Amino acid sequence: MGETLPRVKPAGWLALSVLSAVLLFVVFFIGVSAGGLDVGEVCELGGHRYDHEYRSQNAHEQLQLFPLTIKCNAEYDLVPPWTNPALAVLALLTLSFFAMALAVLFVRVRSRLRG
């Protein structure tokens, strides 16, 4: 009953932050590269109609960093559906772990200065 959780040192939180940042980069790369070099060819190989007019009218969507989208037409997106939620969660984890590293470091420094 009186068990306590082990304390994580600032380096541990920082390591978790770096790990989640690396995973964030990997997922972002997967999303960005989903269309390959020739989006039209990838769409056709996947059995989806490539609509050049739709893509040119919505070119601003294709250039944004979040949410990632590489659409063949109005109905089909080449970016896997799990990519954008994973990017959001990993970004929040990266920031949270980094904030925890700073908070634990601050508490440790403050307690050493007092004691």
PDB file of N, CA and C in Angstrom:
ATOM      1  N   MET A   1       0.808  -1.200   0.000  1.00  0.00           N
ATOM      2  CA  MET A   1       0.000   0.000   0.000  1.00  0.00           C
ATOM      3  C   MET A   1       0.852   1.265   0.000  1.00  0.00           C
ATOM      4  N   GLY A   2       1.942   1.259   0.764  1.00  0.00           N
ATOM      5  CA  GLY A   2       2.758   2.450   0.883  1.00  0.00           C
ATOM      6  C   GLY A   2       3.825   2.556  -0.189  1.00  0.00           C
ATOM      7  N   GLU A   3       3.643   1.847  -1.288  1.00  0.00           N
ATOM      8  CA  GLU A   3       4.645   1.894  -2.360  1.00  0.00           C
ATOM      9  C   GLU A   3       4.611   3.245  -3.059  1.00  0.00           C
ATOM     10  N   THR A   4       5.795   3.714  -3.432  1.00  0.00           N
ATOM     11  CA  THR A   4       5.871   4.958  -4.199  1.00  0.00           C
ATOM     12  C   THR A   4       6.487   4.650  -5.551  1.00  0.00           C
ATOM     13  N   LEU A   5       6.128   5.443  -6.503  1.00  0.00           N
ATOM     14  CA  LEU A   5       6.685   5.295  -7.844  1.00  0.00           C
ATOM     15  C   LEU A   5       8.115   5.809  -7.857  1.00  0.00           C
ATOM     16  N   PRO A   6       8.989   5.179  -8.631  1.00  0.00           N
ATOM     17  CA  PRO A   6      10.359   5.689  -8.708  1.00  0.00           C
ATOM     18  C   PRO A   6      10.380   7.065  -9.367  1.00  0.00           C
ATOM     19  N   ARG A   7      11.246   7.903  -8.859  1.00  0.00           N
ATOM     20  CA  ARG A   7      11.369   9.247  -9.423  1.00  0.00           C
ATOM     21  C   ARG A   7      12.177   9.189 -10.707  1.00  0.00           C
ATOM     22  N   VAL A   8      11.718   9.935 -11.688  1.00  0.00           N
ATOM     23  CA  VAL A   8      12.429   9.988 -12.959  1.00  0.00           C
ATOM     24  C   VAL A   8      13.321  11.229 -12.945  1.00  0.00           C
ATOM     25  N   LYS A   9      14.569  11.018 -13.292  1.00  0.00           N
ATOM     26  CA  LYS A   9      15.522  12.121 -13.315  1.00  0.00           C
ATOM     27  C   LYS A   9      15.279  12.977 -14.559  1.00  0.00           C
ATOM     28  N   PRO A  10      15.800  14.206 -14.560  1.00  0.00           N
ATOM     29  CA  PRO A  10      15.627  15.063 -15.743  1.00  0.00           C
ATOM     30  C   PRO A  10      16.132  14.416 -17.026  1.00  0.00           C
ATOM     31  N   ALA A  11      17.230  13.663 -16.933  1.00  0.00           N
ATOM     32  CA  ALA A  11      17.772  12.999 -18.124  1.00  0.00           C
ATOM     33  C   ALA A  11      16.790  11.966 -18.663  1.00  0.00           C
ATOM     34  N   GLY A  12      16.051  11.317 -17.785  1.00  0.00           N
ATOM     35  CA  GLY A  12      15.044  10.347 -18.218  1.00  0.00           C
ATOM     36  C   GLY A  12      13.920  11.014 -18.987  1.00  0.00           C
ATOM     37  N   TRP A  13      13.448  12.133 -18.458  1.00  0.00           N
ATOM     38  CA  TRP A  13      12.393  12.882 -19.163  1.00  0.00           C
ATOM     39  C   TRP A  13      12.910  13.410 -20.492  1.00  0.00           C
ATOM     40  N   LEU A  14      14.156  13.864 -20.485  1.00  0.00           N
ATOM     41  CA  LEU A  14      14.748  14.373 -21.725  1.00  0.00           C
ATOM     42  C   LEU A  14      14.893  13.252 -22.749  1.00  0.00           C
ATOM     43  N   ALA A  15      15.264  12.071 -22.306  1.00  0.00           N
ATOM     44  CA  ALA A  15      15.378  10.922 -23.214  1.00  0.00           C
ATOM     45  C   ALA A  15      14.016  10.572 -23.806  1.00  0.00           C
ATOM     46  N   LEU A  16      12.971  10.607 -22.977  1.00  0.00           N
ATOM     47  CA  LEU A  16      11.624  10.351 -23.486  1.00  0.00           C
ATOM     48  C   LEU A  16      11.205  11.419 -24.500  1.00  0.00           C
ATOM     49  N   SER A  17      11.596  12.652 -24.237  1.00  0.00           N
ATOM     50  CA  SER A  17      11.282  13.739 -25.164  1.00  0.00           C
ATOM     51  C   SER A  17      11.981  13.535 -26.505  1.00  0.00           C
ATOM     52  N   VAL A  18      13.242  13.146 -26.462  1.00  0.00           N
ATOM     53  CA  VAL A  18      13.994  12.906 -27.695  1.00  0.00           C
ATOM     54  C   VAL A  18      13.408  11.715 -28.450  1.00  0.00           C
ATOM     55  N   LEU A  19      13.057  10.653 -27.734  1.00  0.00           N
ATOM     56  CA  LEU A  19      12.456   9.483 -28.369  1.00  0.00           C
ATOM     57  C   LEU A  19      11.145   9.834 -29.061  1.00  0.00           C
ATOM     58  N   SER A  20      10.292  10.591 -28.386  1.00  0.00           N
ATOM     59  CA  SER A  20       9.024  10.960 -29.016  1.00  0.00           C
ATOM     60  C   SER A  20       9.250  11.922 -30.181  1.00  0.00           C
ATOM     61  N   ALA A  21      10.275  12.764 -30.110  1.00  0.00           N
ATOM     62  CA  ALA A  21      10.587  13.659 -31.229  1.00  0.00           C
ATOM     63  C   ALA A  21      11.074  12.859 -32.443  1.00  0.00           C
ATOM     64  N   VAL A  22      11.863  11.816 -32.201  1.00  0.00           N
ATOM     65  CA  VAL A  22      12.321  10.959 -33.298  1.00  0.00           C
ATOM     66  C   VAL A  22      11.123  10.247 -33.930  1.00  0.00           C
ATOM     67  N   LEU A  23      10.238   9.710 -33.101  1.00  0.00           N
ATOM     68  CA  LEU A  23       9.032   9.057 -33.625  1.00  0.00           C
ATOM     69  C   LEU A  23       8.155  10.049 -34.391  1.00  0.00           C
ATOM     70  N   LEU A  24       8.087  11.286 -33.904  1.00  0.00           N
ATOM     71  CA  LEU A  24       7.346  12.335 -34.596  1.00  0.00           C
ATOM     72  C   LEU A  24       7.914  12.551 -35.996  1.00  0.00           C
ATOM     73  N   PHE A  25       9.237  12.605 -36.106  1.00  0.00           N
ATOM     74  CA  PHE A  25       9.881  12.775 -37.398  1.00  0.00           C
ATOM     75  C   PHE A  25       9.594  11.590 -38.318  1.00  0.00           C
ATOM     76  N   VAL A  26       9.654  10.380 -37.784  1.00  0.00           N
ATOM     77  CA  VAL A  26       9.410   9.175 -38.590  1.00  0.00           C
ATOM     78  C   VAL A  26       7.987   9.179 -39.131  1.00  0.00           C
ATOM     79  N   VAL A  27       7.018   9.479 -38.269  1.00  0.00           N
ATOM     80  CA  VAL A  27       5.619   9.505 -38.703  1.00  0.00           C
ATOM     81  C   VAL A  27       5.399  10.617 -39.728  1.00  0.00           C
ATOM     82  N   PHE A  28       6.028  11.774 -39.508  1.00  0.00           N
ATOM     83  CA  PHE A  28       5.906  12.872 -40.470  1.00  0.00           C
ATOM     84  C   PHE A  28       6.479  12.459 -41.820  1.00  0.00           C
ATOM     85  N   PHE A  29       7.620  11.785 -41.812  1.00  0.00           N
ATOM     86  CA  PHE A  29       8.237  11.322 -43.058  1.00  0.00           C
ATOM     87  C   PHE A  29       7.335  10.325 -43.776  1.00  0.00           C
ATOM     88  N   ILE A  30       6.716   9.418 -43.018  1.00  0.00           N
ATOM     89  CA  ILE A  30       5.788   8.453 -43.623  1.00  0.00           C
ATOM     90  C   ILE A  30       4.634   9.182 -44.296  1.00  0.00           C
ATOM     91  N   GLY A  31       4.090  10.189 -43.620  1.00  0.00           N
ATOM     92  CA  GLY A  31       2.977  10.947 -44.183  1.00  0.00           C
ATOM     93  C   GLY A  31       3.358  11.748 -45.413  1.00  0.00           C
ATOM     94  N   VAL A  32       4.505  12.407 -45.352  1.00  0.00           N
ATOM     95  CA  VAL A  32       4.951  13.249 -46.470  1.00  0.00           C
ATOM     96  C   VAL A  32       5.308  12.406 -47.684  1.00  0.00           C
ATOM     97  N   SER A  33       5.868  11.235 -47.446  1.00  0.00           N
ATOM     98  CA  SER A  33       6.301  10.405 -48.572  1.00  0.00           C
ATOM     99  C   SER A  33       5.209   9.466 -49.084  1.00  0.00           C
ATOM    100  N   ALA A  34       4.005   9.550 -48.549  1.00  0.00           N
ATOM    101  CA  ALA A  34       2.922   8.644 -48.957  1.00  0.00           C
ATOM    102  C   ALA A  34       2.582   8.783 -50.440  1.00  0.00           C
ATOM    103  N   GLY A  35       2.775   9.960 -50.988  1.00  0.00           N
ATOM    104  CA  GLY A  35       2.448  10.177 -52.394  1.00  0.00           C
ATOM    105  C   GLY A  35       3.546   9.778 -53.354  1.00  0.00           C
ATOM    106  N   GLY A  36       4.718   9.452 -52.844  1.00  0.00           N
ATOM    107  CA  GLY A  36       5.828   9.102 -53.715  1.00  0.00           C
ATOM    108  C   GLY A  36       6.271  10.294 -54.547  1.00  0.00           C
ATOM    109  N   LEU A  37       6.996  10.029 -55.618  1.00  0.00           N
ATOM    110  CA  LEU A  37       7.478  11.097 -56.492  1.00  0.00           C
ATOM    111  C   LEU A  37       6.414  11.533 -57.492  1.00  0.00           C
ATOM    112  N   ASP A  38       5.541  10.632 -57.869  1.00  0.00           N
ATOM    113  CA  ASP A  38       4.482  10.932 -58.838  1.00  0.00           C
ATOM    114  C   ASP A  38       3.139  10.545 -58.235  1.00  0.00           C
ATOM    115  N   VAL A  39       2.424  11.538 -57.702  1.00  0.00           N
ATOM    116  CA  VAL A  39       1.154  11.288 -57.022  1.00  0.00           C
ATOM    117  C   VAL A  39       0.145  10.640 -57.961  1.00  0.00           C
ATOM    118  N   GLY A  40       0.086  11.102 -59.188  1.00  0.00           N
ATOM    119  CA  GLY A  40      -0.848  10.535 -60.149  1.00  0.00           C
ATOM    120  C   GLY A  40      -0.619   9.054 -60.375  1.00  0.00           C
ATOM    121  N   GLU A  41       0.634   8.670 -60.486  1.00  0.00           N
ATOM    122  CA  GLU A  41       0.967   7.262 -60.702  1.00  0.00           C
ATOM    123  C   GLU A  41       0.615   6.419 -59.478  1.00  0.00           C
ATOM    124  N   VAL A  42       0.912   6.949 -58.283  1.00  0.00           N
ATOM    125  CA  VAL A  42       0.593   6.218 -57.055  1.00  0.00           C
ATOM    126  C   VAL A  42      -0.920   6.032 -56.918  1.00  0.00           C
ATOM    127  N   CYS A  43      -1.682   7.059 -57.274  1.00  0.00           N
ATOM    128  CA  CYS A  43      -3.143   6.954 -57.214  1.00  0.00           C
ATOM    129  C   CYS A  43      -3.650   5.878 -58.175  1.00  0.00           C
ATOM    130  N   GLU A  44      -3.156   5.911 -59.391  1.00  0.00           N
ATOM    131  CA  GLU A  44      -3.595   4.931 -60.393  1.00  0.00           C
ATOM    132  C   GLU A  44      -3.196   3.513 -59.991  1.00  0.00           C
ATOM    133  N   LEU A  45      -1.987   3.348 -59.442  1.00  0.00           N
ATOM    134  CA  LEU A  45      -1.547   2.019 -59.003  1.00  0.00           C
ATOM    135  C   LEU A  45      -2.408   1.493 -57.855  1.00  0.00           C
ATOM    136  N   GLY A  46      -2.915   2.406 -57.034  1.00  0.00           N
ATOM    137  CA  GLY A  46      -3.780   2.017 -55.925  1.00  0.00           C
ATOM    138  C   GLY A  46      -5.223   1.828 -56.322  1.00  0.00           C
ATOM    139  N   GLY A  47      -5.531   2.057 -57.590  1.00  0.00           N
ATOM    140  CA  GLY A  47      -6.898   1.869 -58.068  1.00  0.00           C
ATOM    141  C   GLY A  47      -7.805   3.066 -57.819  1.00  0.00           C
ATOM    142  N   HIS A  48      -7.228   4.248 -57.649  1.00  0.00           N
ATOM    143  CA  HIS A  48      -8.008   5.457 -57.401  1.00  0.00           C
ATOM    144  C   HIS A  48      -7.811   6.447 -58.539  1.00  0.00           C
ATOM    145  N   ARG A  49      -8.893   7.111 -58.887  1.00  0.00           N
ATOM    146  CA  ARG A  49      -8.858   8.079 -59.979  1.00  0.00           C
ATOM    147  C   ARG A  49      -8.069   9.321 -59.539  1.00  0.00           C
ATOM    148  N   TYR A  50      -7.137   9.756 -60.377  1.00  0.00           N
ATOM    149  CA  TYR A  50      -6.367  10.972 -60.121  1.00  0.00           C
ATOM    150  C   TYR A  50      -7.088  12.143 -60.765  1.00  0.00           C
ATOM    151  N   ASP A  51      -7.456  13.142 -59.965  1.00  0.00           N
ATOM    152  CA  ASP A  51      -8.183  14.302 -60.453  1.00  0.00           C
ATOM    153  C   ASP A  51      -7.253  15.517 -60.406  1.00  0.00           C
ATOM    154  N   HIS A  52      -6.626  15.813 -61.544  1.00  0.00           N
ATOM    155  CA  HIS A  52      -5.665  16.914 -61.615  1.00  0.00           C
ATOM    156  C   HIS A  52      -6.333  18.254 -61.321  1.00  0.00           C
ATOM    157  N   GLU A  53      -7.545  18.459 -61.810  1.00  0.00           N
ATOM    158  CA  GLU A  53      -8.240  19.729 -61.586  1.00  0.00           C
ATOM    159  C   GLU A  53      -8.535  19.936 -60.097  1.00  0.00           C
ATOM    160  N   TYR A  54      -8.984  18.896 -59.410  1.00  0.00           N
ATOM    161  CA  TYR A  54      -9.245  19.004 -57.969  1.00  0.00           C
ATOM    162  C   TYR A  54      -7.959  19.363 -57.223  1.00  0.00           C
ATOM    163  N   ARG A  55      -6.864  18.691 -57.575  1.00  0.00           N
ATOM    164  CA  ARG A  55      -5.596  18.964 -56.894  1.00  0.00           C
ATOM    165  C   ARG A  55      -5.093  20.378 -57.156  1.00  0.00           C
ATOM    166  N   SER A  56      -5.285  20.888 -58.365  1.00  0.00           N
ATOM    167  CA  SER A  56      -4.821  22.249 -58.644  1.00  0.00           C
ATOM    168  C   SER A  56      -5.706  23.287 -57.948  1.00  0.00           C
ATOM    169  N   GLN A  57      -6.989  23.015 -57.796  1.00  0.00           N
ATOM    170  CA  GLN A  57      -7.879  23.942 -57.085  1.00  0.00           C
ATOM    171  C   GLN A  57      -7.616  23.939 -55.585  1.00  0.00           C
ATOM    172  N   ASN A  58      -7.115  22.833 -55.072  1.00  0.00           N
ATOM    173  CA  ASN A  58      -6.861  22.701 -53.637  1.00  0.00           C
ATOM    174  C   ASN A  58      -5.365  22.544 -53.348  1.00  0.00           C
ATOM    175  N   ALA A  59      -4.551  23.219 -54.112  1.00  0.00           N
ATOM    176  CA  ALA A  59      -3.098  23.100 -53.970  1.00  0.00           C
ATOM    177  C   ALA A  59      -2.619  23.567 -52.594  1.00  0.00           C
ATOM    178  N   HIS A  60      -3.316  24.518 -51.989  1.00  0.00           N
ATOM    179  CA  HIS A  60      -2.908  25.011 -50.668  1.00  0.00           C
ATOM    180  C   HIS A  60      -2.962  23.903 -49.611  1.00  0.00           C
ATOM    181  N   GLU A  61      -3.891  22.955 -49.757  1.00  0.00           N
ATOM    182  CA  GLU A  61      -3.980  21.840 -48.815  1.00  0.00           C
ATOM    183  C   GLU A  61      -2.757  20.937 -48.907  1.00  0.00           C
ATOM    184  N   GLN A  62      -2.239  20.768 -50.093  1.00  0.00           N
ATOM    185  CA  GLN A  62      -1.121  19.854 -50.311  1.00  0.00           C
ATOM    186  C   GLN A  62       0.183  20.404 -49.730  1.00  0.00           C
ATOM    187  N   LEU A  63       0.248  21.713 -49.488  1.00  0.00           N
ATOM    188  CA  LEU A  63       1.484  22.344 -49.034  1.00  0.00           C
ATOM    189  C   LEU A  63       1.543  22.560 -47.531  1.00  0.00           C
ATOM    190  N   GLN A  64       0.450  22.300 -46.815  1.00  0.00           N
ATOM    191  CA  GLN A  64       0.446  22.560 -45.379  1.00  0.00           C
ATOM    192  C   GLN A  64       1.156  21.439 -44.615  1.00  0.00           C
ATOM    193  N   LEU A  65       1.731  21.794 -43.465  1.00  0.00           N
ATOM    194  CA  LEU A  65       2.456  20.826 -42.659  1.00  0.00           C
ATOM    195  C   LEU A  65       1.540  20.002 -41.764  1.00  0.00           C
ATOM    196  N   PHE A  66       0.411  20.583 -41.358  1.00  0.00           N
ATOM    197  CA  PHE A  66      -0.547  19.847 -40.536  1.00  0.00           C
ATOM    198  C   PHE A  66      -1.934  20.384 -40.790  1.00  0.00           C
ATOM    199  N   PRO A  67      -2.905  19.576 -41.007  1.00  0.00           N
ATOM    200  CA  PRO A  67      -2.830  18.134 -41.173  1.00  0.00           C
ATOM    201  C   PRO A  67      -2.248  17.778 -42.541  1.00  0.00           C
ATOM    202  N   LEU A  68      -1.508  16.692 -42.566  1.00  0.00           N
ATOM    203  CA  LEU A  68      -0.915  16.220 -43.821  1.00  0.00           C
ATOM    204  C   LEU A  68      -2.011  15.640 -44.709  1.00  0.00           C
ATOM    205  N   THR A  69      -1.956  15.965 -45.982  1.00  0.00           N
ATOM    206  CA  THR A  69      -2.901  15.414 -46.936  1.00  0.00           C
ATOM    207  C   THR A  69      -2.265  15.369 -48.317  1.00  0.00           C
ATOM    208  N   ILE A  70      -2.466  14.256 -48.991  1.00  0.00           N
ATOM    209  CA  ILE A  70      -2.049  14.100 -50.383  1.00  0.00           C
ATOM    210  C   ILE A  70      -3.203  13.403 -51.076  1.00  0.00           C
ATOM    211  N   LYS A  71      -4.097  14.199 -51.612  1.00  0.00           N
ATOM    212  CA  LYS A  71      -5.331  13.640 -52.158  1.00  0.00           C
ATOM    213  C   LYS A  71      -5.209  13.305 -53.637  1.00  0.00           C
ATOM    214  N   CYS A  72      -5.794  12.166 -53.988  1.00  0.00           N
ATOM    215  CA  CYS A  72      -5.916  11.779 -55.393  1.00  0.00           C
ATOM    216  C   CYS A  72      -7.097  12.526 -56.019  1.00  0.00           C
ATOM    217  N   ASN A  73      -8.152  12.645 -55.230  1.00  0.00           N
ATOM    218  CA  ASN A  73      -9.386  13.306 -55.650  1.00  0.00           C
ATOM    219  C   ASN A  73     -10.112  13.743 -54.379  1.00  0.00           C
ATOM    220  N   ALA A  74     -11.338  14.171 -54.502  1.00  0.00           N
ATOM    221  CA  ALA A  74     -12.068  14.677 -53.342  1.00  0.00           C
ATOM    222  C   ALA A  74     -12.358  13.591 -52.312  1.00  0.00           C
ATOM    223  N   GLU A  75     -12.341  12.329 -52.727  1.00  0.00           N
ATOM    224  CA  GLU A  75     -12.723  11.248 -51.823  1.00  0.00           C
ATOM    225  C   GLU A  75     -11.560  10.476 -51.221  1.00  0.00           C
ATOM    226  N   TYR A  76     -10.393  10.458 -51.848  1.00  0.00           N
ATOM    227  CA  TYR A  76      -9.333   9.571 -51.395  1.00  0.00           C
ATOM    228  C   TYR A  76      -8.034  10.326 -51.089  1.00  0.00           C
ATOM    229  N   ASP A  77      -7.496  10.049 -49.906  1.00  0.00           N
ATOM    230  CA  ASP A  77      -6.247  10.654 -49.451  1.00  0.00           C
ATOM    231  C   ASP A  77      -5.193   9.555 -49.323  1.00  0.00           C
ATOM    232  N   LEU A  78      -4.003   9.794 -49.861  1.00  0.00           N
ATOM    233  CA  LEU A  78      -2.922   8.811 -49.790  1.00  0.00           C
ATOM    234  C   LEU A  78      -2.268   8.737 -48.412  1.00  0.00           C
ATOM    235  N   VAL A  79      -2.380   9.809 -47.636  1.00  0.00           N
ATOM    236  CA  VAL A  79      -1.795   9.811 -46.296  1.00  0.00           C
ATOM    237  C   VAL A  79      -2.627   8.869 -45.425  1.00  0.00           C
ATOM    238  N   PRO A  80      -1.974   7.920 -44.765  1.00  0.00           N
ATOM    239  CA  PRO A  80      -2.727   6.980 -43.915  1.00  0.00           C
ATOM    240  C   PRO A  80      -3.540   7.726 -42.850  1.00  0.00           C
ATOM    241  N   PRO A  81      -4.731   7.244 -42.540  1.00  0.00           N
ATOM    242  CA  PRO A  81      -5.608   7.968 -41.612  1.00  0.00           C
ATOM    243  C   PRO A  81      -5.059   8.082 -40.187  1.00  0.00           C
ATOM    244  N   TRP A  82      -4.133   7.246 -39.786  1.00  0.00           N
ATOM    245  CA  TRP A  82      -3.582   7.294 -38.438  1.00  0.00           C
ATOM    246  C   TRP A  82      -2.473   8.341 -38.300  1.00  0.00           C
ATOM    247  N   THR A  83      -1.992   8.867 -39.414  1.00  0.00           N
ATOM    248  CA  THR A  83      -0.818   9.745 -39.398  1.00  0.00           C
ATOM    249  C   THR A  83      -1.054  11.044 -38.635  1.00  0.00           C
ATOM    250  N   ASN A  84      -2.114  11.776 -38.960  1.00  0.00           N
ATOM    251  CA  ASN A  84      -2.340  13.074 -38.309  1.00  0.00           C
ATOM    252  C   ASN A  84      -2.630  12.956 -36.817  1.00  0.00           C
ATOM    253  N   PRO A  85      -3.463  12.001 -36.362  1.00  0.00           N
ATOM    254  CA  PRO A  85      -3.610  11.852 -34.906  1.00  0.00           C
ATOM    255  C   PRO A  85      -2.293  11.482 -34.221  1.00  0.00           C
ATOM    256  N   ALA A  86      -1.500  10.630 -34.860  1.00  0.00           N
ATOM    257  CA  ALA A  86      -0.204  10.249 -34.281  1.00  0.00           C
ATOM    258  C   ALA A  86       0.719  11.456 -34.190  1.00  0.00           C
ATOM    259  N   LEU A  87       0.699  12.323 -35.210  1.00  0.00           N
ATOM    260  CA  LEU A  87       1.522  13.537 -35.168  1.00  0.00           C
ATOM    261  C   LEU A  87       1.114  14.432 -34.003  1.00  0.00           C
ATOM    262  N   ALA A  88      -0.182  14.594 -33.802  1.00  0.00           N
ATOM    263  CA  ALA A  88      -0.668  15.442 -32.713  1.00  0.00           C
ATOM    264  C   ALA A  88      -0.263  14.872 -31.354  1.00  0.00           C
ATOM    265  N   VAL A  89      -0.459  13.582 -31.162  1.00  0.00           N
ATOM    266  CA  VAL A  89      -0.125  12.949 -29.878  1.00  0.00           C
ATOM    267  C   VAL A  89       1.383  13.004 -29.626  1.00  0.00           C
ATOM    268  N   LEU A  90       2.168  12.701 -30.634  1.00  0.00           N
ATOM    269  CA  LEU A  90       3.626  12.719 -30.452  1.00  0.00           C
ATOM    270  C   LEU A  90       4.156  14.128 -30.195  1.00  0.00           C
ATOM    271  N   ALA A  91       3.566  15.122 -30.831  1.00  0.00           N
ATOM    272  CA  ALA A  91       3.985  16.504 -30.573  1.00  0.00           C
ATOM    273  C   ALA A  91       3.668  16.889 -29.124  1.00  0.00           C
ATOM    274  N   LEU A  92       2.482  16.511 -28.652  1.00  0.00           N
ATOM    275  CA  LEU A  92       2.117  16.803 -27.260  1.00  0.00           C
ATOM    276  C   LEU A  92       3.023  16.048 -26.279  1.00  0.00           C
ATOM    277  N   LEU A  93       3.325  14.798 -26.577  1.00  0.00           N
ATOM    278  CA  LEU A  93       4.220  14.038 -25.710  1.00  0.00           C
ATOM    279  C   LEU A  93       5.618  14.638 -25.676  1.00  0.00           C
ATOM    280  N   THR A  94       6.119  15.039 -26.826  1.00  0.00           N
ATOM    281  CA  THR A  94       7.453  15.643 -26.888  1.00  0.00           C
ATOM    282  C   THR A  94       7.519  16.885 -26.011  1.00  0.00           C
ATOM    283  N   LEU A  95       6.529  17.749 -26.168  1.00  0.00           N
ATOM    284  CA  LEU A  95       6.503  18.979 -25.361  1.00  0.00           C
ATOM    285  C   LEU A  95       6.299  18.688 -23.884  1.00  0.00           C
ATOM    286  N   SER A  96       5.426  17.742 -23.576  1.00  0.00           N
ATOM    287  CA  SER A  96       5.155  17.401 -22.173  1.00  0.00           C
ATOM    288  C   SER A  96       6.387  16.806 -21.497  1.00  0.00           C
ATOM    289  N   PHE A  97       7.056  15.884 -22.177  1.00  0.00           N
ATOM    290  CA  PHE A  97       8.257  15.279 -21.600  1.00  0.00           C
ATOM    291  C   PHE A  97       9.355  16.314 -21.406  1.00  0.00           C
ATOM    292  N   PHE A  98       9.491  17.228 -22.357  1.00  0.00           N
ATOM    293  CA  PHE A  98      10.503  18.273 -22.223  1.00  0.00           C
ATOM    294  C   PHE A  98      10.158  19.204 -21.061  1.00  0.00           C
ATOM    295  N   ALA A  99       8.878  19.537 -20.924  1.00  0.00           N
ATOM    296  CA  ALA A  99       8.444  20.382 -19.802  1.00  0.00           C
ATOM    297  C   ALA A  99       8.695  19.681 -18.469  1.00  0.00           C
ATOM    298  N   MET A 100       8.451  18.375 -18.418  1.00  0.00           N
ATOM    299  CA  MET A 100       8.716  17.621 -17.188  1.00  0.00           C
ATOM    300  C   MET A 100      10.213  17.607 -16.866  1.00  0.00           C
ATOM    301  N   ALA A 101      11.054  17.480 -17.887  1.00  0.00           N
ATOM    302  CA  ALA A 101      12.503  17.514 -17.661  1.00  0.00           C
ATOM    303  C   ALA A 101      12.907  18.849 -17.045  1.00  0.00           C
ATOM    304  N   LEU A 102      12.358  19.928 -17.583  1.00  0.00           N
ATOM    305  CA  LEU A 102      12.673  21.255 -17.036  1.00  0.00           C
ATOM    306  C   LEU A 102      12.133  21.422 -15.627  1.00  0.00           C
ATOM    307  N   ALA A 103      10.924  20.931 -15.373  1.00  0.00           N
ATOM    308  CA  ALA A 103      10.312  21.069 -14.049  1.00  0.00           C
ATOM    309  C   ALA A 103      11.097  20.288 -13.001  1.00  0.00           C
ATOM    310  N   VAL A 104      11.465  19.050 -13.308  1.00  0.00           N
ATOM    311  CA  VAL A 104      12.223  18.236 -12.355  1.00  0.00           C
ATOM    312  C   VAL A 104      13.600  18.855 -12.118  1.00  0.00           C
ATOM    313  N   LEU A 105      14.218  19.352 -13.173  1.00  0.00           N
ATOM    314  CA  LEU A 105      15.513  20.009 -13.027  1.00  0.00           C
ATOM    315  C   LEU A 105      15.395  21.240 -12.139  1.00  0.00           C
ATOM    316  N   PHE A 106      14.351  22.029 -12.344  1.00  0.00           N
ATOM    317  CA  PHE A 106      14.127  23.234 -11.542  1.00  0.00           C
ATOM    318  C   PHE A 106      13.929  22.873 -10.072  1.00  0.00           C
ATOM    319  N   VAL A 107      13.140  21.858  -9.795  1.00  0.00           N
ATOM    320  CA  VAL A 107      12.890  21.441  -8.414  1.00  0.00           C
ATOM    321  C   VAL A 107      14.172  20.948  -7.762  1.00  0.00           C
ATOM    322  N   ARG A 108      14.969  20.177  -8.498  1.00  0.00           N
ATOM    323  CA  ARG A 108      16.222  19.669  -7.940  1.00  0.00           C
ATOM    324  C   ARG A 108      17.206  20.800  -7.640  1.00  0.00           C
ATOM    325  N   VAL A 109      17.333  21.747  -8.568  1.00  0.00           N
ATOM    326  CA  VAL A 109      18.248  22.866  -8.361  1.00  0.00           C
ATOM    327  C   VAL A 109      17.775  23.708  -7.177  1.00  0.00           C
ATOM    328  N   ARG A 110      16.485  23.968  -7.111  1.00  0.00           N
ATOM    329  CA  ARG A 110      15.940  24.780  -6.012  1.00  0.00           C
ATOM    330  C   ARG A 110      16.140  24.083  -4.666  1.00  0.00           C
ATOM    331  N   SER A 111      15.942  22.764  -4.610  1.00  0.00           N
ATOM    332  CA  SER A 111      16.106  22.055  -3.335  1.00  0.00           C
ATOM    333  C   SER A 111      17.584  22.014  -2.927  1.00  0.00           C
ATOM    334  N   ARG A 112      18.503  21.953  -3.881  1.00  0.00           N
ATOM    335  CA  ARG A 112      19.927  21.959  -3.540  1.00  0.00           C
ATOM    336  C   ARG A 112      20.371  23.338  -3.066  1.00  0.00           C
ATOM    337  N   LEU A 113      19.792  24.385  -3.637  1.00  0.00           N
ATOM    338  CA  LEU A 113      20.155  25.732  -3.201  1.00  0.00           C
ATOM    339  C   LEU A 113      19.636  26.004  -1.785  1.00  0.00           C
ATOM    340  N   ARG A 114      18.493  25.452  -1.440  1.00  0.00           N
ATOM    341  CA  ARG A 114      17.916  25.651  -0.109  1.00  0.00           C
ATOM    342  C   ARG A 114      18.615  24.792   0.945  1.00  0.00           C
ATOM    343  N   GLY A 115      19.019  23.606   0.550  1.00  0.00           N
ATOM    344  CA  GLY A 115      19.524  22.662   1.554  1.00  0.00           C
ATOM    345  C   GLY A 115      20.959  22.477   1.486  1.00  0.00           C
TER     346      GLY A 115
END
